[in-house]
Amino acid sequence: MNENQAGAVSEKSRVALLSLLASFSLAVVKFAAALFSGSLGLMSEAMHSLLDFGATGATLLAVRYADRPADDEHTFGHAKMESITALAECGLLFGVTAWIIYESVTRLIYG
């Protein structure tokens, strides 16, 4: 790994860590506001921020794993881990979307 690649690796990790802290802070504030107000809109935003926090944590781990050099078992390296993690994050977003739809329909029907 040359010096430019090493700098890019540390930059990606630093950005992911800052994003992790920001998403956690947003989630806490939004959850507090949602609990105080009872707003479904704020609760969905809080869940979205919590999901962002988890996704950013997974991204941080994936970036660190993906930057490993090739070995006998992974002759092309570990870079696909970033793509696999992004796919899992999409699945989580679909799950949260399904929960929000369920909650919305339930509140419309039962008040």
PDB file of N, CA and C in Angstrom:
ATOM      1  N   MET A   1       0.856  -1.169   0.000  1.00  0.00           N
ATOM      2  CA  MET A   1       0.000   0.000   0.000  1.00  0.00           C
ATOM      3  C   MET A   1       0.902   1.232   0.000  1.00  0.00           C
ATOM      4  N   ASN A   2       0.660   2.123  -0.971  1.00  0.00           N
ATOM      5  CA  ASN A   2       1.506   3.316  -1.034  1.00  0.00           C
ATOM      6  C   ASN A   2       0.964   4.399  -0.097  1.00  0.00           C
ATOM      7  N   GLU A   3       1.684   5.505  -0.035  1.00  0.00           N
ATOM      8  CA  GLU A   3       1.343   6.575   0.906  1.00  0.00           C
ATOM      9  C   GLU A   3      -0.009   7.203   0.594  1.00  0.00           C
ATOM     10  N   ASN A   4      -0.350   7.367  -0.686  1.00  0.00           N
ATOM     11  CA  ASN A   4      -1.642   7.947  -1.065  1.00  0.00           C
ATOM     12  C   ASN A   4      -2.798   7.046  -0.654  1.00  0.00           C
ATOM     13  N   GLN A   5      -2.621   5.728  -0.848  1.00  0.00           N
ATOM     14  CA  GLN A   5      -3.662   4.786  -0.459  1.00  0.00           C
ATOM     15  C   GLN A   5      -3.851   4.780   1.056  1.00  0.00           C
ATOM     16  N   ALA A   6      -2.761   4.835   1.804  1.00  0.00           N
ATOM     17  CA  ALA A   6      -2.843   4.857   3.262  1.00  0.00           C
ATOM     18  C   ALA A   6      -3.562   6.113   3.741  1.00  0.00           C
ATOM     19  N   GLY A   7      -3.305   7.245   3.097  1.00  0.00           N
ATOM     20  CA  GLY A   7      -3.987   8.488   3.453  1.00  0.00           C
ATOM     21  C   GLY A   7      -5.471   8.419   3.176  1.00  0.00           C
ATOM     22  N   ALA A   8      -5.852   7.793   2.065  1.00  0.00           N
ATOM     23  CA  ALA A   8      -7.263   7.648   1.717  1.00  0.00           C
ATOM     24  C   ALA A   8      -7.972   6.740   2.714  1.00  0.00           C
ATOM     25  N   VAL A   9      -7.281   5.694   3.156  1.00  0.00           N
ATOM     26  CA  VAL A   9      -7.864   4.772   4.132  1.00  0.00           C
ATOM     27  C   VAL A   9      -8.148   5.509   5.431  1.00  0.00           C
ATOM     28  N   SER A  10      -7.182   6.240   5.942  1.00  0.00           N
ATOM     29  CA  SER A  10      -7.386   6.940   7.199  1.00  0.00           C
ATOM     30  C   SER A  10      -8.441   8.037   7.043  1.00  0.00           C
ATOM     31  N   GLU A  11      -8.508   8.670   5.886  1.00  0.00           N
ATOM     32  CA  GLU A  11      -9.521   9.709   5.638  1.00  0.00           C
ATOM     33  C   GLU A  11     -10.922   9.092   5.641  1.00  0.00           C
ATOM     34  N   LYS A  12     -11.090   7.939   4.993  1.00  0.00           N
ATOM     35  CA  LYS A  12     -12.392   7.271   4.987  1.00  0.00           C
ATOM     36  C   LYS A  12     -12.803   6.877   6.403  1.00  0.00           C
ATOM     37  N   SER A  13     -11.877   6.375   7.184  1.00  0.00           N
ATOM     38  CA  SER A  13     -12.182   5.988   8.557  1.00  0.00           C
ATOM     39  C   SER A  13     -12.533   7.205   9.408  1.00  0.00           C
ATOM     40  N   ARG A  14     -11.813   8.298   9.227  1.00  0.00           N
ATOM     41  CA  ARG A  14     -12.067   9.512   9.992  1.00  0.00           C
ATOM     42  C   ARG A  14     -13.453  10.076   9.668  1.00  0.00           C
ATOM     43  N   VAL A  15     -13.791  10.112   8.399  1.00  0.00           N
ATOM     44  CA  VAL A  15     -15.099  10.630   7.980  1.00  0.00           C
ATOM     45  C   VAL A  15     -16.218   9.732   8.514  1.00  0.00           C
ATOM     46  N   ALA A  16     -16.032   8.422   8.452  1.00  0.00           N
ATOM     47  CA  ALA A  16     -17.047   7.502   8.968  1.00  0.00           C
ATOM     48  C   ALA A  16     -17.220   7.668  10.478  1.00  0.00           C
ATOM     49  N   LEU A  17     -16.129   7.887  11.205  1.00  0.00           N
ATOM     50  CA  LEU A  17     -16.216   8.081  12.654  1.00  0.00           C
ATOM     51  C   LEU A  17     -16.942   9.386  12.998  1.00  0.00           C
ATOM     52  N   LEU A  18     -16.640  10.462  12.290  1.00  0.00           N
ATOM     53  CA  LEU A  18     -17.353  11.724  12.516  1.00  0.00           C
ATOM     54  C   LEU A  18     -18.842  11.585  12.201  1.00  0.00           C
ATOM     55  N   SER A  19     -19.152  10.872  11.138  1.00  0.00           N
ATOM     56  CA  SER A  19     -20.541  10.636  10.765  1.00  0.00           C
ATOM     57  C   SER A  19     -21.247   9.796  11.827  1.00  0.00           C
ATOM     58  N   LEU A  20     -20.532   8.850  12.415  1.00  0.00           N
ATOM     59  CA  LEU A  20     -21.083   8.019  13.481  1.00  0.00           C
ATOM     60  C   LEU A  20     -21.488   8.877  14.682  1.00  0.00           C
ATOM     61  N   LEU A  21     -20.626   9.786  15.074  1.00  0.00           N
ATOM     62  CA  LEU A  21     -20.929  10.676  16.199  1.00  0.00           C
ATOM     63  C   LEU A  21     -22.107  11.604  15.886  1.00  0.00           C
ATOM     64  N   ALA A  22     -22.134  12.140  14.674  1.00  0.00           N
ATOM     65  CA  ALA A  22     -23.218  13.045  14.283  1.00  0.00           C
ATOM     66  C   ALA A  22     -24.558  12.315  14.235  1.00  0.00           C
ATOM     67  N   SER A  23     -24.589  11.120  13.666  1.00  0.00           N
ATOM     68  CA  SER A  23     -25.859  10.399  13.565  1.00  0.00           C
ATOM     69  C   SER A  23     -26.365   9.965  14.934  1.00  0.00           C
ATOM     70  N   PHE A  24     -25.456   9.627  15.851  1.00  0.00           N
ATOM     71  CA  PHE A  24     -25.878   9.277  17.203  1.00  0.00           C
ATOM     72  C   PHE A  24     -26.501  10.487  17.906  1.00  0.00           C
ATOM     73  N   SER A  25     -25.864  11.635  17.772  1.00  0.00           N
ATOM     74  CA  SER A  25     -26.380  12.852  18.402  1.00  0.00           C
ATOM     75  C   SER A  25     -27.758  13.209  17.859  1.00  0.00           C
ATOM     76  N   LEU A  26     -27.913  13.132  16.555  1.00  0.00           N
ATOM     77  CA  LEU A  26     -29.218  13.429  15.944  1.00  0.00           C
ATOM     78  C   LEU A  26     -30.288  12.454  16.419  1.00  0.00           C
ATOM     79  N   ALA A  27     -29.942  11.184  16.510  1.00  0.00           N
ATOM     80  CA  ALA A  27     -30.916  10.178  16.942  1.00  0.00           C
ATOM     81  C   ALA A  27     -31.398  10.465  18.359  1.00  0.00           C
ATOM     82  N   VAL A  28     -30.490  10.808  19.252  1.00  0.00           N
ATOM     83  CA  VAL A  28     -30.859  11.088  20.644  1.00  0.00           C
ATOM     84  C   VAL A  28     -31.809  12.286  20.716  1.00  0.00           C
ATOM     85  N   VAL A  29     -31.472  13.355  20.016  1.00  0.00           N
ATOM     86  CA  VAL A  29     -32.312  14.556  20.041  1.00  0.00           C
ATOM     87  C   VAL A  29     -33.686  14.263  19.441  1.00  0.00           C
ATOM     88  N   LYS A  30     -33.734  13.555  18.334  1.00  0.00           N
ATOM     89  CA  LYS A  30     -35.013  13.256  17.687  1.00  0.00           C
ATOM     90  C   LYS A  30     -35.874  12.322  18.529  1.00  0.00           C
ATOM     91  N   PHE A  31     -35.258  11.324  19.181  1.00  0.00           N
ATOM     92  CA  PHE A  31     -36.037  10.442  20.056  1.00  0.00           C
ATOM     93  C   PHE A  31     -36.635  11.223  21.217  1.00  0.00           C
ATOM     94  N   ALA A  32     -35.854  12.107  21.823  1.00  0.00           N
ATOM     95  CA  ALA A  32     -36.360  12.914  22.932  1.00  0.00           C
ATOM     96  C   ALA A  32     -37.538  13.773  22.469  1.00  0.00           C
ATOM     97  N   ALA A  33     -37.419  14.395  21.318  1.00  0.00           N
ATOM     98  CA  ALA A  33     -38.499  15.232  20.791  1.00  0.00           C
ATOM     99  C   ALA A  33     -39.731  14.394  20.460  1.00  0.00           C
ATOM    100  N   ALA A  34     -39.521  13.201  19.909  1.00  0.00           N
ATOM    101  CA  ALA A  34     -40.646  12.326  19.567  1.00  0.00           C
ATOM    102  C   ALA A  34     -41.377  11.848  20.817  1.00  0.00           C
ATOM    103  N   LEU A  35     -40.631  11.479  21.842  1.00  0.00           N
ATOM    104  CA  LEU A  35     -41.269  11.029  23.083  1.00  0.00           C
ATOM    105  C   LEU A  35     -42.013  12.167  23.769  1.00  0.00           C
ATOM    106  N   PHE A  36     -41.448  13.352  23.707  1.00  0.00           N
ATOM    107  CA  PHE A  36     -42.085  14.516  24.323  1.00  0.00           C
ATOM    108  C   PHE A  36     -43.369  14.923  23.598  1.00  0.00           C
ATOM    109  N   SER A  37     -43.338  14.860  22.267  1.00  0.00           N
ATOM    110  CA  SER A  37     -44.478  15.340  21.475  1.00  0.00           C
ATOM    111  C   SER A  37     -45.458  14.248  21.062  1.00  0.00           C
ATOM    112  N   GLY A  38     -45.005  12.988  21.023  1.00  0.00           N
ATOM    113  CA  GLY A  38     -45.864  11.910  20.538  1.00  0.00           C
ATOM    114  C   GLY A  38     -46.022  11.899  19.031  1.00  0.00           C
ATOM    115  N   SER A  39     -45.187  12.628  18.326  1.00  0.00           N
ATOM    116  CA  SER A  39     -45.284  12.751  16.869  1.00  0.00           C
ATOM    117  C   SER A  39     -44.730  11.518  16.160  1.00  0.00           C
ATOM    118  N   LEU A  40     -45.553  10.941  15.279  1.00  0.00           N
ATOM    119  CA  LEU A  40     -45.103   9.802  14.481  1.00  0.00           C
ATOM    120  C   LEU A  40     -44.041  10.240  13.479  1.00  0.00           C
ATOM    121  N   GLY A  41     -44.165  11.457  12.972  1.00  0.00           N
ATOM    122  CA  GLY A  41     -43.166  11.977  12.037  1.00  0.00           C
ATOM    123  C   GLY A  41     -41.791  12.081  12.686  1.00  0.00           C
ATOM    124  N   LEU A  42     -41.751  12.612  13.911  1.00  0.00           N
ATOM    125  CA  LEU A  42     -40.472  12.698  14.626  1.00  0.00           C
ATOM    126  C   LEU A  42     -39.950  11.317  14.995  1.00  0.00           C
ATOM    127  N   MET A  43     -40.863  10.401  15.346  1.00  0.00           N
ATOM    128  CA  MET A  43     -40.420   9.046  15.682  1.00  0.00           C
ATOM    129  C   MET A  43     -39.819   8.360  14.467  1.00  0.00           C
ATOM    130  N   SER A  44     -40.423   8.559  13.296  1.00  0.00           N
ATOM    131  CA  SER A  44     -39.860   7.951  12.090  1.00  0.00           C
ATOM    132  C   SER A  44     -38.500   8.569  11.761  1.00  0.00           C
ATOM    133  N   GLU A  45     -38.353   9.854  11.985  1.00  0.00           N
ATOM    134  CA  GLU A  45     -37.055  10.508  11.773  1.00  0.00           C
ATOM    135  C   GLU A  45     -36.022   9.995  12.781  1.00  0.00           C
ATOM    136  N   ALA A  46     -36.449   9.773  14.008  1.00  0.00           N
ATOM    137  CA  ALA A  46     -35.543   9.230  15.022  1.00  0.00           C
ATOM    138  C   ALA A  46     -35.095   7.823  14.638  1.00  0.00           C
ATOM    139  N   MET A  47     -36.030   7.013  14.157  1.00  0.00           N
ATOM    140  CA  MET A  47     -35.670   5.658  13.715  1.00  0.00           C
ATOM    141  C   MET A  47     -34.712   5.723  12.526  1.00  0.00           C
ATOM    142  N   HIS A  48     -34.960   6.654  11.632  1.00  0.00           N
ATOM    143  CA  HIS A  48     -34.078   6.830  10.488  1.00  0.00           C
ATOM    144  C   HIS A  48     -32.674   7.210  10.956  1.00  0.00           C
ATOM    145  N   SER A  49     -32.586   8.120  11.916  1.00  0.00           N
ATOM    146  CA  SER A  49     -31.277   8.518  12.443  1.00  0.00           C
ATOM    147  C   SER A  49     -30.600   7.366  13.168  1.00  0.00           C
ATOM    148  N   LEU A  50     -31.381   6.550  13.889  1.00  0.00           N
ATOM    149  CA  LEU A  50     -30.798   5.382  14.557  1.00  0.00           C
ATOM    150  C   LEU A  50     -30.288   4.382  13.523  1.00  0.00           C
ATOM    151  N   LEU A  51     -31.043   4.220  12.459  1.00  0.00           N
ATOM    152  CA  LEU A  51     -30.605   3.341  11.379  1.00  0.00           C
ATOM    153  C   LEU A  51     -29.343   3.895  10.719  1.00  0.00           C
ATOM    154  N   ASP A  52     -29.292   5.196  10.534  1.00  0.00           N
ATOM    155  CA  ASP A  52     -28.080   5.820   9.997  1.00  0.00           C
ATOM    156  C   ASP A  52     -26.881   5.553  10.904  1.00  0.00           C
ATOM    157  N   PHE A  53     -27.104   5.618  12.208  1.00  0.00           N
ATOM    158  CA  PHE A  53     -26.041   5.334  13.170  1.00  0.00           C
ATOM    159  C   PHE A  53     -25.521   3.903  12.995  1.00  0.00           C
ATOM    160  N   GLY A  54     -26.427   2.955  12.915  1.00  0.00           N
ATOM    161  CA  GLY A  54     -26.021   1.565  12.713  1.00  0.00           C
ATOM    162  C   GLY A  54     -25.342   1.350  11.372  1.00  0.00           C
ATOM    163  N   ALA A  55     -25.882   1.976  10.343  1.00  0.00           N
ATOM    164  CA  ALA A  55     -25.300   1.839   9.008  1.00  0.00           C
ATOM    165  C   ALA A  55     -23.907   2.457   8.949  1.00  0.00           C
ATOM    166  N   THR A  56     -23.731   3.580   9.621  1.00  0.00           N
ATOM    167  CA  THR A  56     -22.421   4.226   9.630  1.00  0.00           C
ATOM    168  C   THR A  56     -21.406   3.386  10.396  1.00  0.00           C
ATOM    169  N   GLY A  57     -21.858   2.765  11.485  1.00  0.00           N
ATOM    170  CA  GLY A  57     -20.977   1.849  12.214  1.00  0.00           C
ATOM    171  C   GLY A  57     -20.563   0.671  11.347  1.00  0.00           C
ATOM    172  N   ALA A  58     -21.535   0.120  10.624  1.00  0.00           N
ATOM    173  CA  ALA A  58     -21.223  -0.984   9.711  1.00  0.00           C
ATOM    174  C   ALA A  58     -20.287  -0.522   8.602  1.00  0.00           C
ATOM    175  N   THR A  59     -20.507   0.679   8.102  1.00  0.00           N
ATOM    176  CA  THR A  59     -19.636   1.230   7.060  1.00  0.00           C
ATOM    177  C   THR A  59     -18.211   1.393   7.572  1.00  0.00           C
ATOM    178  N   LEU A  60     -18.075   1.888   8.794  1.00  0.00           N
ATOM    179  CA  LEU A  60     -16.746   2.043   9.381  1.00  0.00           C
ATOM    180  C   LEU A  60     -16.026   0.696   9.465  1.00  0.00           C
ATOM    181  N   LEU A  61     -16.721  -0.323   9.927  1.00  0.00           N
ATOM    182  CA  LEU A  61     -16.114  -1.655   9.997  1.00  0.00           C
ATOM    183  C   LEU A  61     -15.793  -2.198   8.603  1.00  0.00           C
ATOM    184  N   ALA A  62     -16.716  -1.979   7.657  1.00  0.00           N
ATOM    185  CA  ALA A  62     -16.498  -2.479   6.292  1.00  0.00           C
ATOM    186  C   ALA A  62     -15.314  -1.798   5.625  1.00  0.00           C
ATOM    187  N   VAL A  63     -15.176  -0.488   5.836  1.00  0.00           N
ATOM    188  CA  VAL A  63     -14.051   0.248   5.240  1.00  0.00           C
ATOM    189  C   VAL A  63     -12.728  -0.289   5.784  1.00  0.00           C
ATOM    190  N   ARG A  64     -12.704  -0.499   7.077  1.00  0.00           N
ATOM    191  CA  ARG A  64     -11.470  -1.015   7.679  1.00  0.00           C
ATOM    192  C   ARG A  64     -11.159  -2.429   7.198  1.00  0.00           C
ATOM    193  N   TYR A  65     -12.196  -3.264   7.047  1.00  0.00           N
ATOM    194  CA  TYR A  65     -11.996  -4.625   6.563  1.00  0.00           C
ATOM    195  C   TYR A  65     -11.616  -4.637   5.084  1.00  0.00           C
ATOM    196  N   ALA A  66     -12.286  -3.790   4.296  1.00  0.00           N
ATOM    197  CA  ALA A  66     -12.066  -3.778   2.849  1.00  0.00           C
ATOM    198  C   ALA A  66     -10.660  -3.320   2.484  1.00  0.00           C
ATOM    199  N   ASP A  67     -10.021  -2.579   3.356  1.00  0.00           N
ATOM    200  CA  ASP A  67      -8.683  -2.080   3.051  1.00  0.00           C
ATOM    201  C   ASP A  67      -7.576  -3.091   3.327  1.00  0.00           C
ATOM    202  N   ARG A  68      -7.935  -4.270   3.778  1.00  0.00           N
ATOM    203  CA  ARG A  68      -6.928  -5.316   3.965  1.00  0.00           C
ATOM    204  C   ARG A  68      -6.380  -5.742   2.600  1.00  0.00           C
ATOM    205  N   PRO A  69      -5.128  -6.106   2.553  1.00  0.00           N
ATOM    206  CA  PRO A  69      -4.568  -6.560   1.271  1.00  0.00           C
ATOM    207  C   PRO A  69      -5.067  -7.964   0.906  1.00  0.00           C
ATOM    208  N   ALA A  70      -4.874  -8.324  -0.340  1.00  0.00           N
ATOM    209  CA  ALA A  70      -5.268  -9.656  -0.808  1.00  0.00           C
ATOM    210  C   ALA A  70      -4.498 -10.723  -0.043  1.00  0.00           C
ATOM    211  N   ASP A  71      -5.149 -11.893   0.109  1.00  0.00           N
ATOM    212  CA  ASP A  71      -4.487 -13.027   0.752  1.00  0.00           C
ATOM    213  C   ASP A  71      -4.833 -14.290  -0.029  1.00  0.00           C
ATOM    214  N   ASP A  72      -4.485 -15.456   0.514  1.00  0.00           N
ATOM    215  CA  ASP A  72      -4.720 -16.715  -0.201  1.00  0.00           C
ATOM    216  C   ASP A  72      -6.207 -16.995  -0.434  1.00  0.00           C
ATOM    217  N   GLU A  73      -7.052 -16.637   0.521  1.00  0.00           N
ATOM    218  CA  GLU A  73      -8.483 -16.886   0.394  1.00  0.00           C
ATOM    219  C   GLU A  73      -9.209 -15.799  -0.391  1.00  0.00           C
ATOM    220  N   HIS A  74      -8.656 -14.605  -0.426  1.00  0.00           N
ATOM    221  CA  HIS A  74      -9.275 -13.470  -1.115  1.00  0.00           C
ATOM    222  C   HIS A  74      -8.237 -12.886  -2.076  1.00  0.00           C
ATOM    223  N   THR A  75      -8.063 -13.568  -3.179  1.00  0.00           N
ATOM    224  CA  THR A  75      -6.988 -13.198  -4.105  1.00  0.00           C
ATOM    225  C   THR A  75      -7.195 -11.834  -4.760  1.00  0.00           C
ATOM    226  N   PHE A  76      -8.439 -11.346  -4.784  1.00  0.00           N
ATOM    227  CA  PHE A  76      -8.708 -10.034  -5.359  1.00  0.00           C
ATOM    228  C   PHE A  76      -8.878  -8.956  -4.288  1.00  0.00           C
ATOM    229  N   GLY A  77      -8.598  -9.309  -3.047  1.00  0.00           N
ATOM    230  CA  GLY A  77      -8.716  -8.349  -1.955  1.00  0.00           C
ATOM    231  C   GLY A  77     -10.057  -8.457  -1.251  1.00  0.00           C
ATOM    232  N   HIS A  78     -10.345  -7.481  -0.418  1.00  0.00           N
ATOM    233  CA  HIS A  78     -11.544  -7.498   0.409  1.00  0.00           C
ATOM    234  C   HIS A  78     -12.500  -6.345   0.095  1.00  0.00           C
ATOM    235  N   ALA A  79     -12.302  -5.673  -1.013  1.00  0.00           N
ATOM    236  CA  ALA A  79     -13.056  -4.454  -1.323  1.00  0.00           C
ATOM    237  C   ALA A  79     -14.565  -4.693  -1.475  1.00  0.00           C
ATOM    238  N   LYS A  80     -14.989  -5.893  -1.837  1.00  0.00           N
ATOM    239  CA  LYS A  80     -16.418  -6.169  -2.007  1.00  0.00           C
ATOM    240  C   LYS A  80     -17.195  -6.049  -0.696  1.00  0.00           C
ATOM    241  N   MET A  81     -16.484  -6.060   0.433  1.00  0.00           N
ATOM    242  CA  MET A  81     -17.162  -5.937   1.716  1.00  0.00           C
ATOM    243  C   MET A  81     -17.943  -4.628   1.800  1.00  0.00           C
ATOM    244  N   GLU A  82     -17.442  -3.567   1.196  1.00  0.00           N
ATOM    245  CA  GLU A  82     -18.162  -2.297   1.203  1.00  0.00           C
ATOM    246  C   GLU A  82     -19.489  -2.431   0.464  1.00  0.00           C
ATOM    247  N   SER A  83     -19.499  -3.136  -0.659  1.00  0.00           N
ATOM    248  CA  SER A  83     -20.736  -3.332  -1.431  1.00  0.00           C
ATOM    249  C   SER A  83     -21.724  -4.213  -0.681  1.00  0.00           C
ATOM    250  N   ILE A  84     -21.239  -5.259  -0.045  1.00  0.00           N
ATOM    251  CA  ILE A  84     -22.116  -6.156   0.719  1.00  0.00           C
ATOM    252  C   ILE A  84     -22.744  -5.411   1.891  1.00  0.00           C
ATOM    253  N   THR A  85     -21.964  -4.581   2.548  1.00  0.00           N
ATOM    254  CA  THR A  85     -22.483  -3.787   3.658  1.00  0.00           C
ATOM    255  C   THR A  85     -23.549  -2.809   3.164  1.00  0.00           C
ATOM    256  N   ALA A  86     -23.325  -2.181   2.027  1.00  0.00           N
ATOM    257  CA  ALA A  86     -24.318  -1.253   1.467  1.00  0.00           C
ATOM    258  C   ALA A  86     -25.621  -1.992   1.143  1.00  0.00           C
ATOM    259  N   LEU A  87     -25.533  -3.217   0.648  1.00  0.00           N
ATOM    260  CA  LEU A  87     -26.726  -4.013   0.363  1.00  0.00           C
ATOM    261  C   LEU A  87     -27.493  -4.319   1.651  1.00  0.00           C
ATOM    262  N   ALA A  88     -26.788  -4.675   2.705  1.00  0.00           N
ATOM    263  CA  ALA A  88     -27.435  -4.943   3.993  1.00  0.00           C
ATOM    264  C   ALA A  88     -28.109  -3.684   4.529  1.00  0.00           C
ATOM    265  N   GLU A  89     -27.467  -2.530   4.350  1.00  0.00           N
ATOM    266  CA  GLU A  89     -28.059  -1.267   4.800  1.00  0.00           C
ATOM    267  C   GLU A  89     -29.346  -0.970   4.043  1.00  0.00           C
ATOM    268  N   CYS A  90     -29.388  -1.292   2.766  1.00  0.00           N
ATOM    269  CA  CYS A  90     -30.627  -1.113   1.984  1.00  0.00           C
ATOM    270  C   CYS A  90     -31.742  -1.991   2.543  1.00  0.00           C
ATOM    271  N   GLY A  91     -31.407  -3.215   2.912  1.00  0.00           N
ATOM    272  CA  GLY A  91     -32.391  -4.110   3.514  1.00  0.00           C
ATOM    273  C   GLY A  91     -32.953  -3.540   4.812  1.00  0.00           C
ATOM    274  N   LEU A  92     -32.097  -2.950   5.621  1.00  0.00           N
ATOM    275  CA  LEU A  92     -32.556  -2.325   6.861  1.00  0.00           C
ATOM    276  C   LEU A  92     -33.485  -1.154   6.585  1.00  0.00           C
ATOM    277  N   LEU A  93     -33.168  -0.363   5.576  1.00  0.00           N
ATOM    278  CA  LEU A  93     -34.044   0.762   5.218  1.00  0.00           C
ATOM    279  C   LEU A  93     -35.424   0.271   4.790  1.00  0.00           C
ATOM    280  N   PHE A  94     -35.467  -0.824   4.032  1.00  0.00           N
ATOM    281  CA  PHE A  94     -36.762  -1.388   3.644  1.00  0.00           C
ATOM    282  C   PHE A  94     -37.525  -1.873   4.873  1.00  0.00           C
ATOM    283  N   GLY A  95     -36.830  -2.437   5.846  1.00  0.00           N
ATOM    284  CA  GLY A  95     -37.479  -2.882   7.076  1.00  0.00           C
ATOM    285  C   GLY A  95     -38.079  -1.735   7.861  1.00  0.00           C
ATOM    286  N   VAL A  96     -37.345  -0.660   7.997  1.00  0.00           N
ATOM    287  CA  VAL A  96     -37.861   0.513   8.705  1.00  0.00           C
ATOM    288  C   VAL A  96     -39.041   1.106   7.941  1.00  0.00           C
ATOM    289  N   THR A  97     -38.960   1.123   6.629  1.00  0.00           N
ATOM    290  CA  THR A  97     -40.068   1.626   5.818  1.00  0.00           C
ATOM    291  C   THR A  97     -41.329   0.805   6.048  1.00  0.00           C
ATOM    292  N   ALA A  98     -41.178  -0.506   6.102  1.00  0.00           N
ATOM    293  CA  ALA A  98     -42.327  -1.381   6.355  1.00  0.00           C
ATOM    294  C   ALA A  98     -42.928  -1.099   7.732  1.00  0.00           C
ATOM    295  N   TRP A  99     -42.084  -0.872   8.735  1.00  0.00           N
ATOM    296  CA  TRP A  99     -42.571  -0.567  10.087  1.00  0.00           C
ATOM    297  C   TRP A  99     -43.343   0.752  10.095  1.00  0.00           C
ATOM    298  N   ILE A 100     -42.822   1.754   9.402  1.00  0.00           N
ATOM    299  CA  ILE A 100     -43.489   3.060   9.365  1.00  0.00           C
ATOM    300  C   ILE A 100     -44.846   2.941   8.671  1.00  0.00           C
ATOM    301  N   ILE A 101     -44.909   2.195   7.588  1.00  0.00           N
ATOM    302  CA  ILE A 101     -46.184   1.984   6.888  1.00  0.00           C
ATOM    303  C   ILE A 101     -47.167   1.268   7.799  1.00  0.00           C
ATOM    304  N   TYR A 102     -46.717   0.236   8.486  1.00  0.00           N
ATOM    305  CA  TYR A 102     -47.578  -0.504   9.407  1.00  0.00           C
ATOM    306  C   TYR A 102     -48.134   0.419  10.494  1.00  0.00           C
ATOM    307  N   GLU A 103     -47.256   1.200  11.116  1.00  0.00           N
ATOM    308  CA  GLU A 103     -47.682   2.116  12.180  1.00  0.00           C
ATOM    309  C   GLU A 103     -48.666   3.162  11.646  1.00  0.00           C
ATOM    310  N   SER A 104     -48.405   3.671  10.461  1.00  0.00           N
ATOM    311  CA  SER A 104     -49.291   4.686   9.875  1.00  0.00           C
ATOM    312  C   SER A 104     -50.673   4.125   9.600  1.00  0.00           C
ATOM    313  N   VAL A 105     -50.742   2.961   8.987  1.00  0.00           N
ATOM    314  CA  VAL A 105     -52.021   2.332   8.671  1.00  0.00           C
ATOM    315  C   VAL A 105     -52.752   1.992   9.963  1.00  0.00           C
ATOM    316  N   THR A 106     -52.052   1.462  10.942  1.00  0.00           N
ATOM    317  CA  THR A 106     -52.670   1.132  12.223  1.00  0.00           C
ATOM    318  C   THR A 106     -53.270   2.374  12.874  1.00  0.00           C
ATOM    319  N   ARG A 107     -52.555   3.475  12.857  1.00  0.00           N
ATOM    320  CA  ARG A 107     -53.087   4.707  13.455  1.00  0.00           C
ATOM    321  C   ARG A 107     -54.257   5.273  12.672  1.00  0.00           C
ATOM    322  N   LEU A 108     -54.230   5.106  11.342  1.00  0.00           N
ATOM    323  CA  LEU A 108     -55.368   5.585  10.541  1.00  0.00           C
ATOM    324  C   LEU A 108     -56.618   4.778  10.819  1.00  0.00           C
ATOM    325  N   ILE A 109     -56.468   3.474  10.983  1.00  0.00           N
ATOM    326  CA  ILE A 109     -57.620   2.598  11.197  1.00  0.00           C
ATOM    327  C   ILE A 109     -58.160   2.707  12.616  1.00  0.00           C
ATOM    328  N   TYR A 110     -57.251   2.664  13.595  1.00  0.00           N
ATOM    329  CA  TYR A 110     -57.678   2.603  15.005  1.00  0.00           C
ATOM    330  C   TYR A 110     -57.548   3.924  15.756  1.00  0.00           C
ATOM    331  N   GLY A 111     -57.060   4.941  15.122  1.00  0.00           N
ATOM    332  CA  GLY A 111     -56.993   6.258  15.739  1.00  0.00           C
ATOM    333  C   GLY A 111     -55.846   6.539  16.607  1.00  0.00           C
TER     334      GLY A 111
END
